[in-house]
Amino acid sequence: MSNVTIEFATPTDMPGIWQLYETVWIQTYPNEAAGISVEAIVKYLAWERLGMTQRWQSAIEQPGDISNNQRAVFVARNSNKLVGIISPKVNDDGTHRLTSLYVAPEARGNGVGSKLIERVLEWHEDNDTYLFVVPYLEDAQRLYEKYGFGFVEAPLMFFENSPVSYLTMMRPADGDVN
């Protein structure tokens, strides 16, 4: 995957973004031990589709930057094929977040996730950056730790209609969690 490029998403990317988002959720998030079935994920995706599409379409049409508390969407391409997405944002309270890192199953282990995270950290400049990660996605947790993210003591997060819970991680502006 040496031909991977990271760039702002364009409006024509939306169908591919949704397809990747849906594929990754269905293949990654069901977990028998956590009581999360494929059916629960499919039901959530049906509910989430409109909201996610509107949020991301807005961010794609008018990519924000840190100065105006916005969201952006970046895509990873390998030979023009969409193989990853990530969406950084700055909340209204000024909190910087890394959201929605998804890498196509066939592209995992090839540095795509790393390149996307590096681009987001560049976008966030020198600010503490937070993210939510699913407790049982240990590979994702290790990837985030590689970039200086550490767990924050906080209650499990739940989002409307999502069958999945989340832990909070944070990367200090200086990248040092010790």
Foldseek 3Di string as FASTA:
>chain_A
DVQKDKDFDALVCLVVVLVQLLVCQLVPPADVVLPRHSVLSVVLSVVCVVVVSVLQSVCRVPPDALVPFAKTKMFIDHVNRTFWIWMWTQDPVRATETDDTTGHPVCPPPCPSVVNVVVSLVRVQQAKYKYWDFPVPVVVVVSVVVQLKDFDPDDWDDDPSHSTTTTMIIQHSVSHPD
